[in-house]
Amino acid sequence: MAEHNELGKSGEKDAIQLLQNKGYKILETNFVHQKAEVDIIAQKEGFLVVVEVKTRSTPDFGDPQDFVKPAQIKRLVKAVDFYINDKDLDLEVRFDIVAIIKNKFGKKIEHLEDAFYYFE
């Protein structure tokens, strides 16, 4: 596995641990629908929380959360819409980002709630 893929998988494990420690119930990981992959789908207090995990080894090119682009957001929304309908859920949806910088100097992890909105 390529080094960046290993970093990403490691970051997703860190994010799951963080969310569980905060009382989130993890419903799905790496949920795929069409061209979208949702890193984590969780539930907490009446919210379906869609979590995009961004892990980088350096902040030199920007914060990890800066790498969530509009086209990706659009794909995530479609995938989550499918998930909600498929599971017949009646929950309010929130989009979060877990941004991680992880390298030989340590790890910085940040949970950004309501990180983005999508209006069509």
PDB file of N, CA and C in Angstrom:
ATOM      1  N   MET A   1       0.854  -1.180   0.000  1.00  0.00           N
ATOM      2  CA  MET A   1       0.000   0.000   0.000  1.00  0.00           C
ATOM      3  C   MET A   1       0.893   1.234   0.000  1.00  0.00           C
ATOM      4  N   ALA A   2       0.498   2.222  -0.790  1.00  0.00           N
ATOM      5  CA  ALA A   2       1.273   3.457  -0.866  1.00  0.00           C
ATOM      6  C   ALA A   2       1.273   4.172   0.489  1.00  0.00           C
ATOM      7  N   GLU A   3       2.330   4.919   0.733  1.00  0.00           N
ATOM      8  CA  GLU A   3       2.487   5.597   2.025  1.00  0.00           C
ATOM      9  C   GLU A   3       1.325   6.539   2.340  1.00  0.00           C
ATOM     10  N   HIS A   4       0.845   7.283   1.306  1.00  0.00           N
ATOM     11  CA  HIS A   4      -0.272   8.201   1.558  1.00  0.00           C
ATOM     12  C   HIS A   4      -1.558   7.443   1.884  1.00  0.00           C
ATOM     13  N   ASN A   5      -1.736   6.255   1.308  1.00  0.00           N
ATOM     14  CA  ASN A   5      -2.914   5.439   1.639  1.00  0.00           C
ATOM     15  C   ASN A   5      -2.844   4.946   3.078  1.00  0.00           C
ATOM     16  N   GLU A   6      -1.656   4.551   3.509  1.00  0.00           N
ATOM     17  CA  GLU A   6      -1.472   4.103   4.892  1.00  0.00           C
ATOM     18  C   GLU A   6      -1.737   5.254   5.861  1.00  0.00           C
ATOM     19  N   LEU A   7      -1.274   6.444   5.508  1.00  0.00           N
ATOM     20  CA  LEU A   7      -1.506   7.624   6.333  1.00  0.00           C
ATOM     21  C   LEU A   7      -3.009   7.895   6.439  1.00  0.00           C
ATOM     22  N   GLY A   8      -3.709   7.785   5.317  1.00  0.00           N
ATOM     23  CA  GLY A   8      -5.149   8.010   5.303  1.00  0.00           C
ATOM     24  C   GLY A   8      -5.901   7.000   6.155  1.00  0.00           C
ATOM     25  N   LYS A   9      -5.555   5.728   6.036  1.00  0.00           N
ATOM     26  CA  LYS A   9      -6.216   4.680   6.835  1.00  0.00           C
ATOM     27  C   LYS A   9      -5.935   4.878   8.319  1.00  0.00           C
ATOM     28  N   SER A  10      -4.708   5.244   8.640  1.00  0.00           N
ATOM     29  CA  SER A  10      -4.341   5.511  10.024  1.00  0.00           C
ATOM     30  C   SER A  10      -5.142   6.700  10.568  1.00  0.00           C
ATOM     31  N   GLY A  11      -5.309   7.723   9.750  1.00  0.00           N
ATOM     32  CA  GLY A  11      -6.085   8.887  10.139  1.00  0.00           C
ATOM     33  C   GLY A  11      -7.544   8.539  10.379  1.00  0.00           C
ATOM     34  N   GLU A  12      -8.097   7.668   9.537  1.00  0.00           N
ATOM     35  CA  GLU A  12      -9.492   7.259   9.726  1.00  0.00           C
ATOM     36  C   GLU A  12      -9.664   6.510  11.043  1.00  0.00           C
ATOM     37  N   LYS A  13      -8.704   5.681  11.401  1.00  0.00           N
ATOM     38  CA  LYS A  13      -8.767   4.976  12.694  1.00  0.00           C
ATOM     39  C   LYS A  13      -8.710   5.975  13.848  1.00  0.00           C
ATOM     40  N   ASP A  14      -7.842   6.966  13.725  1.00  0.00           N
ATOM     41  CA  ASP A  14      -7.748   8.016  14.757  1.00  0.00           C
ATOM     42  C   ASP A  14      -9.076   8.774  14.877  1.00  0.00           C
ATOM     43  N   ALA A  15      -9.688   9.070  13.739  1.00  0.00           N
ATOM     44  CA  ALA A  15     -10.949   9.813  13.734  1.00  0.00           C
ATOM     45  C   ALA A  15     -12.064   8.997  14.382  1.00  0.00           C
ATOM     46  N   ILE A  16     -12.130   7.711  14.071  1.00  0.00           N
ATOM     47  CA  ILE A  16     -13.149   6.839  14.672  1.00  0.00           C
ATOM     48  C   ILE A  16     -12.979   6.819  16.187  1.00  0.00           C
ATOM     49  N   GLN A  17     -11.745   6.676  16.640  1.00  0.00           N
ATOM     50  CA  GLN A  17     -11.476   6.654  18.082  1.00  0.00           C
ATOM     51  C   GLN A  17     -11.904   7.965  18.731  1.00  0.00           C
ATOM     52  N   LEU A  18     -11.565   9.082  18.105  1.00  0.00           N
ATOM     53  CA  LEU A  18     -11.943  10.395  18.617  1.00  0.00           C
ATOM     54  C   LEU A  18     -13.465  10.519  18.733  1.00  0.00           C
ATOM     55  N   LEU A  19     -14.161  10.141  17.689  1.00  0.00           N
ATOM     56  CA  LEU A  19     -15.617  10.258  17.677  1.00  0.00           C
ATOM     57  C   LEU A  19     -16.256   9.348  18.722  1.00  0.00           C
ATOM     58  N   GLN A  20     -15.772   8.130  18.822  1.00  0.00           N
ATOM     59  CA  GLN A  20     -16.316   7.215  19.832  1.00  0.00           C
ATOM     60  C   GLN A  20     -16.085   7.769  21.237  1.00  0.00           C
ATOM     61  N   ASN A  21     -14.927   8.336  21.480  1.00  0.00           N
ATOM     62  CA  ASN A  21     -14.630   8.943  22.779  1.00  0.00           C
ATOM     63  C   ASN A  21     -15.564  10.114  23.092  1.00  0.00           C
ATOM     64  N   LYS A  22     -16.090  10.754  22.030  1.00  0.00           N
ATOM     65  CA  LYS A  22     -17.007  11.874  22.200  1.00  0.00           C
ATOM     66  C   LYS A  22     -18.472  11.415  22.246  1.00  0.00           C
ATOM     67  N   GLY A  23     -18.693  10.112  22.208  1.00  0.00           N
ATOM     68  CA  GLY A  23     -20.047   9.584  22.323  1.00  0.00           C
ATOM     69  C   GLY A  23     -20.790   9.349  21.020  1.00  0.00           C
ATOM     70  N   TYR A  24     -20.090   9.385  19.902  1.00  0.00           N
ATOM     71  CA  TYR A  24     -20.726   9.110  18.613  1.00  0.00           C
ATOM     72  C   TYR A  24     -20.849   7.602  18.411  1.00  0.00           C
ATOM     73  N   LYS A  25     -21.949   7.204  17.800  1.00  0.00           N
ATOM     74  CA  LYS A  25     -22.139   5.796  17.417  1.00  0.00           C
ATOM     75  C   LYS A  25     -21.755   5.704  15.942  1.00  0.00           C
ATOM     76  N   ILE A  26     -20.770   4.887  15.638  1.00  0.00           N
ATOM     77  CA  ILE A  26     -20.317   4.727  14.255  1.00  0.00           C
ATOM     78  C   ILE A  26     -21.265   3.760  13.554  1.00  0.00           C
ATOM     79  N   LEU A  27     -21.891   4.219  12.470  1.00  0.00           N
ATOM     80  CA  LEU A  27     -22.826   3.389  11.713  1.00  0.00           C
ATOM     81  C   LEU A  27     -22.165   2.731  10.511  1.00  0.00           C
ATOM     82  N   GLU A  28     -21.304   3.475   9.840  1.00  0.00           N
ATOM     83  CA  GLU A  28     -20.630   2.978   8.627  1.00  0.00           C
ATOM     84  C   GLU A  28     -19.250   3.617   8.526  1.00  0.00           C
ATOM     85  N   THR A  29     -18.346   2.870   7.921  1.00  0.00           N
ATOM     86  CA  THR A  29     -17.062   3.442   7.518  1.00  0.00           C
ATOM     87  C   THR A  29     -16.852   3.099   6.062  1.00  0.00           C
ATOM     88  N   ASN A  30     -16.263   4.011   5.343  1.00  0.00           N
ATOM     89  CA  ASN A  30     -15.966   3.837   3.924  1.00  0.00           C
ATOM     90  C   ASN A  30     -17.191   3.404   3.116  1.00  0.00           C
ATOM     91  N   PHE A  31     -18.307   4.095   3.349  1.00  0.00           N
ATOM     92  CA  PHE A  31     -19.543   3.818   2.614  1.00  0.00           C
ATOM     93  C   PHE A  31     -19.395   4.351   1.193  1.00  0.00           C
ATOM     94  N   VAL A  32     -19.634   3.484   0.218  1.00  0.00           N
ATOM     95  CA  VAL A  32     -19.463   3.858  -1.186  1.00  0.00           C
ATOM     96  C   VAL A  32     -20.816   3.855  -1.893  1.00  0.00           C
ATOM     97  N   HIS A  33     -21.064   4.942  -2.612  1.00  0.00           N
ATOM     98  CA  HIS A  33     -22.243   5.030  -3.481  1.00  0.00           C
ATOM     99  C   HIS A  33     -21.813   5.778  -4.734  1.00  0.00           C
ATOM    100  N   GLN A  34     -21.978   5.117  -5.869  1.00  0.00           N
ATOM    101  CA  GLN A  34     -21.535   5.650  -7.147  1.00  0.00           C
ATOM    102  C   GLN A  34     -20.071   6.075  -7.054  1.00  0.00           C
ATOM    103  N   LYS A  35     -19.773   7.356  -7.282  1.00  0.00           N
ATOM    104  CA  LYS A  35     -18.376   7.804  -7.276  1.00  0.00           C
ATOM    105  C   LYS A  35     -17.948   8.413  -5.948  1.00  0.00           C
ATOM    106  N   ALA A  36     -18.784   8.281  -4.938  1.00  0.00           N
ATOM    107  CA  ALA A  36     -18.482   8.905  -3.644  1.00  0.00           C
ATOM    108  C   ALA A  36     -18.130   7.856  -2.608  1.00  0.00           C
ATOM    109  N   GLU A  37     -17.166   8.203  -1.775  1.00  0.00           N
ATOM    110  CA  GLU A  37     -16.869   7.392  -0.594  1.00  0.00           C
ATOM    111  C   GLU A  37     -16.989   8.290   0.619  1.00  0.00           C
ATOM    112  N   VAL A  38     -17.864   7.885   1.530  1.00  0.00           N
ATOM    113  CA  VAL A  38     -18.053   8.623   2.772  1.00  0.00           C
ATOM    114  C   VAL A  38     -17.190   7.944   3.814  1.00  0.00           C
ATOM    115  N   ASP A  39     -16.251   8.678   4.386  1.00  0.00           N
ATOM    116  CA  ASP A  39     -15.302   8.076   5.323  1.00  0.00           C
ATOM    117  C   ASP A  39     -16.009   7.494   6.545  1.00  0.00           C
ATOM    118  N   ILE A  40     -16.850   8.297   7.193  1.00  0.00           N
ATOM    119  CA  ILE A  40     -17.536   7.840   8.405  1.00  0.00           C
ATOM    120  C   ILE A  40     -18.962   8.391   8.415  1.00  0.00           C
ATOM    121  N   ILE A  41     -19.903   7.511   8.722  1.00  0.00           N
ATOM    122  CA  ILE A  41     -21.272   7.934   8.994  1.00  0.00           C
ATOM    123  C   ILE A  41     -21.535   7.550  10.435  1.00  0.00           C
ATOM    124  N   ALA A  42     -21.915   8.543  11.220  1.00  0.00           N
ATOM    125  CA  ALA A  42     -22.115   8.325  12.652  1.00  0.00           C
ATOM    126  C   ALA A  42     -23.441   8.932  13.083  1.00  0.00           C
ATOM    127  N   GLN A  43     -23.823   8.631  14.312  1.00  0.00           N
ATOM    128  CA  GLN A  43     -25.051   9.201  14.864  1.00  0.00           C
ATOM    129  C   GLN A  43     -24.772   9.709  16.265  1.00  0.00           C
ATOM    130  N   LYS A  44     -25.341  10.885  16.543  1.00  0.00           N
ATOM    131  CA  LYS A  44     -25.253  11.439  17.887  1.00  0.00           C
ATOM    132  C   LYS A  44     -26.392  12.427  18.081  1.00  0.00           C
ATOM    133  N   GLU A  45     -27.153  12.222  19.152  1.00  0.00           N
ATOM    134  CA  GLU A  45     -28.199  13.156  19.565  1.00  0.00           C
ATOM    135  C   GLU A  45     -29.122  13.588  18.432  1.00  0.00           C
ATOM    136  N   GLY A  46     -29.687  12.646  17.719  1.00  0.00           N
ATOM    137  CA  GLY A  46     -30.655  12.954  16.671  1.00  0.00           C
ATOM    138  C   GLY A  46     -30.057  13.447  15.371  1.00  0.00           C
ATOM    139  N   PHE A  47     -28.743  13.452  15.271  1.00  0.00           N
ATOM    140  CA  PHE A  47     -28.074  13.857  14.036  1.00  0.00           C
ATOM    141  C   PHE A  47     -27.431  12.654  13.356  1.00  0.00           C
ATOM    142  N   LEU A  48     -27.547  12.618  12.048  1.00  0.00           N
ATOM    143  CA  LEU A  48     -26.725  11.731  11.244  1.00  0.00           C
ATOM    144  C   LEU A  48     -25.515  12.580  10.883  1.00  0.00           C
ATOM    145  N   VAL A  49     -24.351  12.171  11.321  1.00  0.00           N
ATOM    146  CA  VAL A  49     -23.149  12.978  11.145  1.00  0.00           C
ATOM    147  C   VAL A  49     -22.269  12.331  10.082  1.00  0.00           C
ATOM    148  N   VAL A  50     -22.071  13.058   9.001  1.00  0.00           N
ATOM    149  CA  VAL A  50     -21.244  12.612   7.890  1.00  0.00           C
ATOM    150  C   VAL A  50     -19.867  13.226   8.096  1.00  0.00           C
ATOM    151  N   VAL A  51     -18.862  12.363   8.202  1.00  0.00           N
ATOM    152  CA  VAL A  51     -17.530  12.838   8.552  1.00  0.00           C
ATOM    153  C   VAL A  51     -16.544  12.556   7.427  1.00  0.00           C
ATOM    154  N   GLU A  52     -15.934  13.602   6.950  1.00  0.00           N
ATOM    155  CA  GLU A  52     -14.839  13.487   5.986  1.00  0.00           C
ATOM    156  C   GLU A  52     -13.543  13.609   6.770  1.00  0.00           C
ATOM    157  N   VAL A  53     -12.655  12.643   6.592  1.00  0.00           N
ATOM    158  CA  VAL A  53     -11.381  12.636   7.299  1.00  0.00           C
ATOM    159  C   VAL A  53     -10.286  13.058   6.319  1.00  0.00           C
ATOM    160  N   LYS A  54      -9.535  14.052   6.690  1.00  0.00           N
ATOM    161  CA  LYS A  54      -8.415  14.519   5.873  1.00  0.00           C
ATOM    162  C   LYS A  54      -7.145  14.435   6.706  1.00  0.00           C
ATOM    163  N   THR A  55      -6.235  13.602   6.259  1.00  0.00           N
ATOM    164  CA  THR A  55      -4.977  13.394   6.977  1.00  0.00           C
ATOM    165  C   THR A  55      -3.823  13.819   6.079  1.00  0.00           C
ATOM    166  N   ARG A  56      -2.953  14.600   6.625  1.00  0.00           N
ATOM    167  CA  ARG A  56      -1.767  15.065   5.902  1.00  0.00           C
ATOM    168  C   ARG A  56      -0.547  14.885   6.785  1.00  0.00           C
ATOM    169  N   SER A  57       0.615  14.819   6.160  1.00  0.00           N
ATOM    170  CA  SER A  57       1.858  14.692   6.921  1.00  0.00           C
ATOM    171  C   SER A  57       2.480  16.055   7.203  1.00  0.00           C
ATOM    172  N   THR A  58       1.967  17.088   6.534  1.00  0.00           N
ATOM    173  CA  THR A  58       2.505  18.432   6.724  1.00  0.00           C
ATOM    174  C   THR A  58       1.433  19.473   6.419  1.00  0.00           C
ATOM    175  N   PRO A  59       1.464  20.597   7.115  1.00  0.00           N
ATOM    176  CA  PRO A  59       0.525  21.683   6.792  1.00  0.00           C
ATOM    177  C   PRO A  59       1.090  22.636   5.743  1.00  0.00           C
ATOM    178  N   ASP A  60       2.229  22.292   5.141  1.00  0.00           N
ATOM    179  CA  ASP A  60       2.929  23.195   4.227  1.00  0.00           C
ATOM    180  C   ASP A  60       2.084  23.654   3.039  1.00  0.00           C
ATOM    181  N   PHE A  61       1.135  22.815   2.610  1.00  0.00           N
ATOM    182  CA  PHE A  61       0.338  23.163   1.437  1.00  0.00           C
ATOM    183  C   PHE A  61      -1.080  23.577   1.823  1.00  0.00           C
ATOM    184  N   GLY A  62      -1.316  23.801   3.107  1.00  0.00           N
ATOM    185  CA  GLY A  62      -2.633  24.205   3.590  1.00  0.00           C
ATOM    186  C   GLY A  62      -3.134  23.238   4.644  1.00  0.00           C
ATOM    187  N   ASP A  63      -4.149  23.675   5.352  1.00  0.00           N
ATOM    188  CA  ASP A  63      -4.757  22.822   6.368  1.00  0.00           C
ATOM    189  C   ASP A  63      -5.474  21.653   5.698  1.00  0.00           C
ATOM    190  N   PRO A  64      -5.522  20.500   6.359  1.00  0.00           N
ATOM    191  CA  PRO A  64      -6.183  19.338   5.751  1.00  0.00           C
ATOM    192  C   PRO A  64      -7.611  19.630   5.295  1.00  0.00           C
ATOM    193  N   GLN A  65      -8.356  20.384   6.090  1.00  0.00           N
ATOM    194  CA  GLN A  65      -9.749  20.660   5.747  1.00  0.00           C
ATOM    195  C   GLN A  65      -9.897  21.489   4.474  1.00  0.00           C
ATOM    196  N   ASP A  66      -8.836  22.171   4.062  1.00  0.00           N
ATOM    197  CA  ASP A  66      -8.882  22.961   2.835  1.00  0.00           C
ATOM    198  C   ASP A  66      -8.949  22.085   1.589  1.00  0.00           C
ATOM    199  N   PHE A  67      -8.736  20.788   1.749  1.00  0.00           N
ATOM    200  CA  PHE A  67      -8.726  19.882   0.615  1.00  0.00           C
ATOM    201  C   PHE A  67     -10.094  19.246   0.336  1.00  0.00           C
ATOM    202  N   VAL A  68     -11.128  19.681   1.047  1.00  0.00           N
ATOM    203  CA  VAL A  68     -12.497  19.242   0.751  1.00  0.00           C
ATOM    204  C   VAL A  68     -13.064  20.250  -0.243  1.00  0.00           C
ATOM    205  N   LYS A  69     -13.236  19.798  -1.474  1.00  0.00           N
ATOM    206  CA  LYS A  69     -13.614  20.693  -2.571  1.00  0.00           C
ATOM    207  C   LYS A  69     -15.110  20.581  -2.893  1.00  0.00           C
ATOM    208  N   PRO A  70     -15.677  21.590  -3.557  1.00  0.00           N
ATOM    209  CA  PRO A  70     -17.113  21.589  -3.868  1.00  0.00           C
ATOM    210  C   PRO A  70     -17.606  20.338  -4.611  1.00  0.00           C
ATOM    211  N   ALA A  71     -16.843  19.832  -5.552  1.00  0.00           N
ATOM    212  CA  ALA A  71     -17.278  18.637  -6.284  1.00  0.00           C
ATOM    213  C   ALA A  71     -17.366  17.431  -5.345  1.00  0.00           C
ATOM    214  N   GLN A  72     -16.430  17.327  -4.427  1.00  0.00           N
ATOM    215  CA  GLN A  72     -16.465  16.235  -3.451  1.00  0.00           C
ATOM    216  C   GLN A  72     -17.669  16.390  -2.529  1.00  0.00           C
ATOM    217  N   ILE A  73     -17.948  17.604  -2.100  1.00  0.00           N
ATOM    218  CA  ILE A  73     -19.106  17.861  -1.242  1.00  0.00           C
ATOM    219  C   ILE A  73     -20.390  17.428  -1.958  1.00  0.00           C
ATOM    220  N   LYS A  74     -20.501  17.766  -3.220  1.00  0.00           N
ATOM    221  CA  LYS A  74     -21.686  17.393  -4.002  1.00  0.00           C
ATOM    222  C   LYS A  74     -21.845  15.869  -4.050  1.00  0.00           C
ATOM    223  N   ARG A  75     -20.756  15.154  -4.263  1.00  0.00           N
ATOM    224  CA  ARG A  75     -20.808  13.675  -4.292  1.00  0.00           C
ATOM    225  C   ARG A  75     -21.203  13.125  -2.918  1.00  0.00           C
ATOM    226  N   LEU A  76     -20.641  13.712  -1.858  1.00  0.00           N
ATOM    227  CA  LEU A  76     -20.978  13.262  -0.497  1.00  0.00           C
ATOM    228  C   LEU A  76     -22.471  13.432  -0.224  1.00  0.00           C
ATOM    229  N   VAL A  77     -23.013  14.563  -0.621  1.00  0.00           N
ATOM    230  CA  VAL A  77     -24.433  14.838  -0.396  1.00  0.00           C
ATOM    231  C   VAL A  77     -25.300  13.804  -1.114  1.00  0.00           C
ATOM    232  N   LYS A  78     -24.967  13.487  -2.349  1.00  0.00           N
ATOM    233  CA  LYS A  78     -25.735  12.483  -3.100  1.00  0.00           C
ATOM    234  C   LYS A  78     -25.655  11.118  -2.425  1.00  0.00           C
ATOM    235  N   ALA A  79     -24.465  10.757  -1.972  1.00  0.00           N
ATOM    236  CA  ALA A  79     -24.291   9.452  -1.314  1.00  0.00           C
ATOM    237  C   ALA A  79     -25.082   9.395  -0.010  1.00  0.00           C
ATOM    238  N   VAL A  80     -25.052  10.462   0.743  1.00  0.00           N
ATOM    239  CA  VAL A  80     -25.767  10.489   2.020  1.00  0.00           C
ATOM    240  C   VAL A  80     -27.275  10.509   1.796  1.00  0.00           C
ATOM    241  N   ASP A  81     -27.721  11.206   0.769  1.00  0.00           N
ATOM    242  CA  ASP A  81     -29.140  11.204   0.428  1.00  0.00           C
ATOM    243  C   ASP A  81     -29.596   9.776   0.114  1.00  0.00           C
ATOM    244  N   PHE A  82     -28.793   9.057  -0.663  1.00  0.00           N
ATOM    245  CA  PHE A  82     -29.098   7.657  -0.958  1.00  0.00           C
ATOM    246  C   PHE A  82     -29.141   6.839   0.334  1.00  0.00           C
ATOM    247  N   TYR A  83     -28.148   7.023   1.201  1.00  0.00           N
ATOM    248  CA  TYR A  83     -28.054   6.276   2.456  1.00  0.00           C
ATOM    249  C   TYR A  83     -29.288   6.507   3.327  1.00  0.00           C
ATOM    250  N   ILE A  84     -29.697   7.750   3.459  1.00  0.00           N
ATOM    251  CA  ILE A  84     -30.861   8.097   4.281  1.00  0.00           C
ATOM    252  C   ILE A  84     -32.129   7.428   3.738  1.00  0.00           C
ATOM    253  N   ASN A  85     -32.304   7.500   2.430  1.00  0.00           N
ATOM    254  CA  ASN A  85     -33.487   6.888   1.816  1.00  0.00           C
ATOM    255  C   ASN A  85     -33.440   5.368   1.908  1.00  0.00           C
ATOM    256  N   ASP A  86     -32.267   4.797   1.675  1.00  0.00           N
ATOM    257  CA  ASP A  86     -32.107   3.341   1.715  1.00  0.00           C
ATOM    258  C   ASP A  86     -32.368   2.785   3.112  1.00  0.00           C
ATOM    259  N   LYS A  87     -31.935   3.499   4.131  1.00  0.00           N
ATOM    260  CA  LYS A  87     -32.093   3.056   5.534  1.00  0.00           C
ATOM    261  C   LYS A  87     -33.377   3.590   6.172  1.00  0.00           C
ATOM    262  N   ASP A  88     -34.131   4.390   5.396  1.00  0.00           N
ATOM    263  CA  ASP A  88     -35.381   4.992   5.879  1.00  0.00           C
ATOM    264  C   ASP A  88     -35.164   5.723   7.197  1.00  0.00           C
ATOM    265  N   LEU A  89     -34.196   6.623   7.208  1.00  0.00           N
ATOM    266  CA  LEU A  89     -33.841   7.374   8.414  1.00  0.00           C
ATOM    267  C   LEU A  89     -34.560   8.719   8.451  1.00  0.00           C
ATOM    268  N   ASP A  90     -34.871   9.160   9.637  1.00  0.00           N
ATOM    269  CA  ASP A  90     -35.474  10.470   9.839  1.00  0.00           C
ATOM    270  C   ASP A  90     -34.601  11.233  10.837  1.00  0.00           C
ATOM    271  N   LEU A  91     -33.441  11.651  10.371  1.00  0.00           N
ATOM    272  CA  LEU A  91     -32.490  12.360  11.212  1.00  0.00           C
ATOM    273  C   LEU A  91     -32.022  13.619  10.486  1.00  0.00           C
ATOM    274  N   GLU A  92     -31.699  14.631  11.250  1.00  0.00           N
ATOM    275  CA  GLU A  92     -31.087  15.817  10.679  1.00  0.00           C
ATOM    276  C   GLU A  92     -29.641  15.467  10.325  1.00  0.00           C
ATOM    277  N   VAL A  93     -29.162  15.988   9.207  1.00  0.00           N
ATOM    278  CA  VAL A  93     -27.815  15.660   8.732  1.00  0.00           C
ATOM    279  C   VAL A  93     -26.868  16.811   9.028  1.00  0.00           C
ATOM    280  N   ARG A  94     -25.668  16.447   9.460  1.00  0.00           N
ATOM    281  CA  ARG A  94     -24.616  17.432   9.711  1.00  0.00           C
ATOM    282  C   ARG A  94     -23.333  16.908   9.058  1.00  0.00           C
ATOM    283  N   PHE A  95     -22.574  17.805   8.460  1.00  0.00           N
ATOM    284  CA  PHE A  95     -21.316  17.448   7.813  1.00  0.00           C
ATOM    285  C   PHE A  95     -20.158  17.966   8.650  1.00  0.00           C
ATOM    286  N   ASP A  96     -19.296  17.052   9.077  1.00  0.00           N
ATOM    287  CA  ASP A  96     -18.119  17.388   9.882  1.00  0.00           C
ATOM    288  C   ASP A  96     -16.856  17.012   9.117  1.00  0.00           C
ATOM    289  N   ILE A  97     -15.766  17.604   9.535  1.00  0.00           N
ATOM    290  CA  ILE A  97     -14.447  17.209   9.029  1.00  0.00           C
ATOM    291  C   ILE A  97     -13.566  16.916  10.237  1.00  0.00           C
ATOM    292  N   VAL A  98     -12.827  15.822  10.154  1.00  0.00           N
ATOM    293  CA  VAL A  98     -11.764  15.572  11.121  1.00  0.00           C
ATOM    294  C   VAL A  98     -10.466  15.790  10.352  1.00  0.00           C
ATOM    295  N   ALA A  99      -9.733  16.817  10.753  1.00  0.00           N
ATOM    296  CA  ALA A  99      -8.481  17.193  10.093  1.00  0.00           C
ATOM    297  C   ALA A  99      -7.313  16.725  10.957  1.00  0.00           C
ATOM    298  N   ILE A 100      -6.411  15.992  10.337  1.00  0.00           N
ATOM    299  CA  ILE A 100      -5.288  15.408  11.082  1.00  0.00           C
ATOM    300  C   ILE A 100      -3.975  15.727  10.374  1.00  0.00           C
ATOM    301  N   ILE A 101      -3.023  16.178  11.153  1.00  0.00           N
ATOM    302  CA  ILE A 101      -1.643  16.289  10.665  1.00  0.00           C
ATOM    303  C   ILE A 101      -0.835  15.323  11.521  1.00  0.00           C
ATOM    304  N   LYS A 102      -0.219  14.371  10.853  1.00  0.00           N
ATOM    305  CA  LYS A 102       0.457  13.275  11.550  1.00  0.00           C
ATOM    306  C   LYS A 102       1.820  13.048  10.887  1.00  0.00           C
ATOM    307  N   ASN A 103       2.877  13.199  11.696  1.00  0.00           N
ATOM    308  CA  ASN A 103       4.219  12.969  11.165  1.00  0.00           C
ATOM    309  C   ASN A 103       5.158  12.568  12.310  1.00  0.00           C
ATOM    310  N   LYS A 104       6.443  12.581  12.057  1.00  0.00           N
ATOM    311  CA  LYS A 104       7.413  12.141  13.071  1.00  0.00           C
ATOM    312  C   LYS A 104       7.445  13.055  14.298  1.00  0.00           C
ATOM    313  N   PHE A 105       6.877  14.262  14.171  1.00  0.00           N
ATOM    314  CA  PHE A 105       6.866  15.201  15.289  1.00  0.00           C
ATOM    315  C   PHE A 105       5.639  15.019  16.185  1.00  0.00           C
ATOM    316  N   GLY A 106       4.676  14.220  15.735  1.00  0.00           N
ATOM    317  CA  GLY A 106       3.487  13.983  16.542  1.00  0.00           C
ATOM    318  C   GLY A 106       2.227  14.018  15.706  1.00  0.00           C
ATOM    319  N   LYS A 107       1.124  14.268  16.384  1.00  0.00           N
ATOM    320  CA  LYS A 107      -0.179  14.243  15.731  1.00  0.00           C
ATOM    321  C   LYS A 107      -1.029  15.392  16.252  1.00  0.00           C
ATOM    322  N   LYS A 108      -1.648  16.106  15.327  1.00  0.00           N
ATOM    323  CA  LYS A 108      -2.603  17.157  15.673  1.00  0.00           C
ATOM    324  C   LYS A 108      -3.932  16.762  15.039  1.00  0.00           C
ATOM    325  N   ILE A 109      -4.968  16.665  15.861  1.00  0.00           N
ATOM    326  CA  ILE A 109      -6.273  16.247  15.361  1.00  0.00           C
ATOM    327  C   ILE A 109      -7.312  17.293  15.754  1.00  0.00           C
ATOM    328  N   GLU A 110      -8.126  17.680  14.782  1.00  0.00           N
ATOM    329  CA  GLU A 110      -9.123  18.715  14.997  1.00  0.00           C
ATOM    330  C   GLU A 110     -10.464  18.248  14.430  1.00  0.00           C
ATOM    331  N   HIS A 111     -11.510  18.336  15.247  1.00  0.00           N
ATOM    332  CA  HIS A 111     -12.860  17.955  14.824  1.00  0.00           C
ATOM    333  C   HIS A 111     -13.642  19.231  14.550  1.00  0.00           C
ATOM    334  N   LEU A 112     -13.982  19.435  13.298  1.00  0.00           N
ATOM    335  CA  LEU A 112     -14.723  20.620  12.879  1.00  0.00           C
ATOM    336  C   LEU A 112     -16.184  20.225  12.649  1.00  0.00           C
ATOM    337  N   GLU A 113     -17.052  20.611  13.585  1.00  0.00           N
ATOM    338  CA  GLU A 113     -18.472  20.304  13.448  1.00  0.00           C
ATOM    339  C   GLU A 113     -19.127  21.325  12.526  1.00  0.00           C
ATOM    340  N   ASP A 114     -20.169  20.865  11.805  1.00  0.00           N
ATOM    341  CA  ASP A 114     -20.845  21.743  10.838  1.00  0.00           C
ATOM    342  C   ASP A 114     -19.821  22.410   9.929  1.00  0.00           C
ATOM    343  N   ALA A 115     -18.930  21.611   9.389  1.00  0.00           N
ATOM    344  CA  ALA A 115     -17.800  22.139   8.620  1.00  0.00           C
ATOM    345  C   ALA A 115     -18.216  22.749   7.290  1.00  0.00           C
ATOM    346  N   PHE A 116     -19.300  22.228   6.722  1.00  0.00           N
ATOM    347  CA  PHE A 116     -19.776  22.811   5.473  1.00  0.00           C
ATOM    348  C   PHE A 116     -21.252  22.532   5.312  1.00  0.00           C
ATOM    349  N   TYR A 117     -21.864  23.332   4.457  1.00  0.00           N
ATOM    350  CA  TYR A 117     -23.276  23.213   4.153  1.00  0.00           C
ATOM    351  C   TYR A 117     -23.394  23.021   2.655  1.00  0.00           C
ATOM    352  N   TYR A 118     -24.498  22.452   2.252  1.00  0.00           N
ATOM    353  CA  TYR A 118     -24.711  22.276   0.818  1.00  0.00           C
ATOM    354  C   TYR A 118     -26.128  22.700   0.479  1.00  0.00           C
ATOM    355  N   PHE A 119     -26.223  23.623  -0.443  1.00  0.00           N
ATOM    356  CA  PHE A 119     -27.529  24.087  -0.921  1.00  0.00           C
ATOM    357  C   PHE A 119     -27.563  23.910  -2.423  1.00  0.00           C
ATOM    358  N   GLU A 120     -28.670  23.361  -2.905  1.00  0.00           N
ATOM    359  CA  GLU A 120     -28.769  23.180  -4.346  1.00  0.00           C
ATOM    360  C   GLU A 120     -29.822  24.078  -4.912  1.00  0.00           C
TER     361      GLU A 120
END
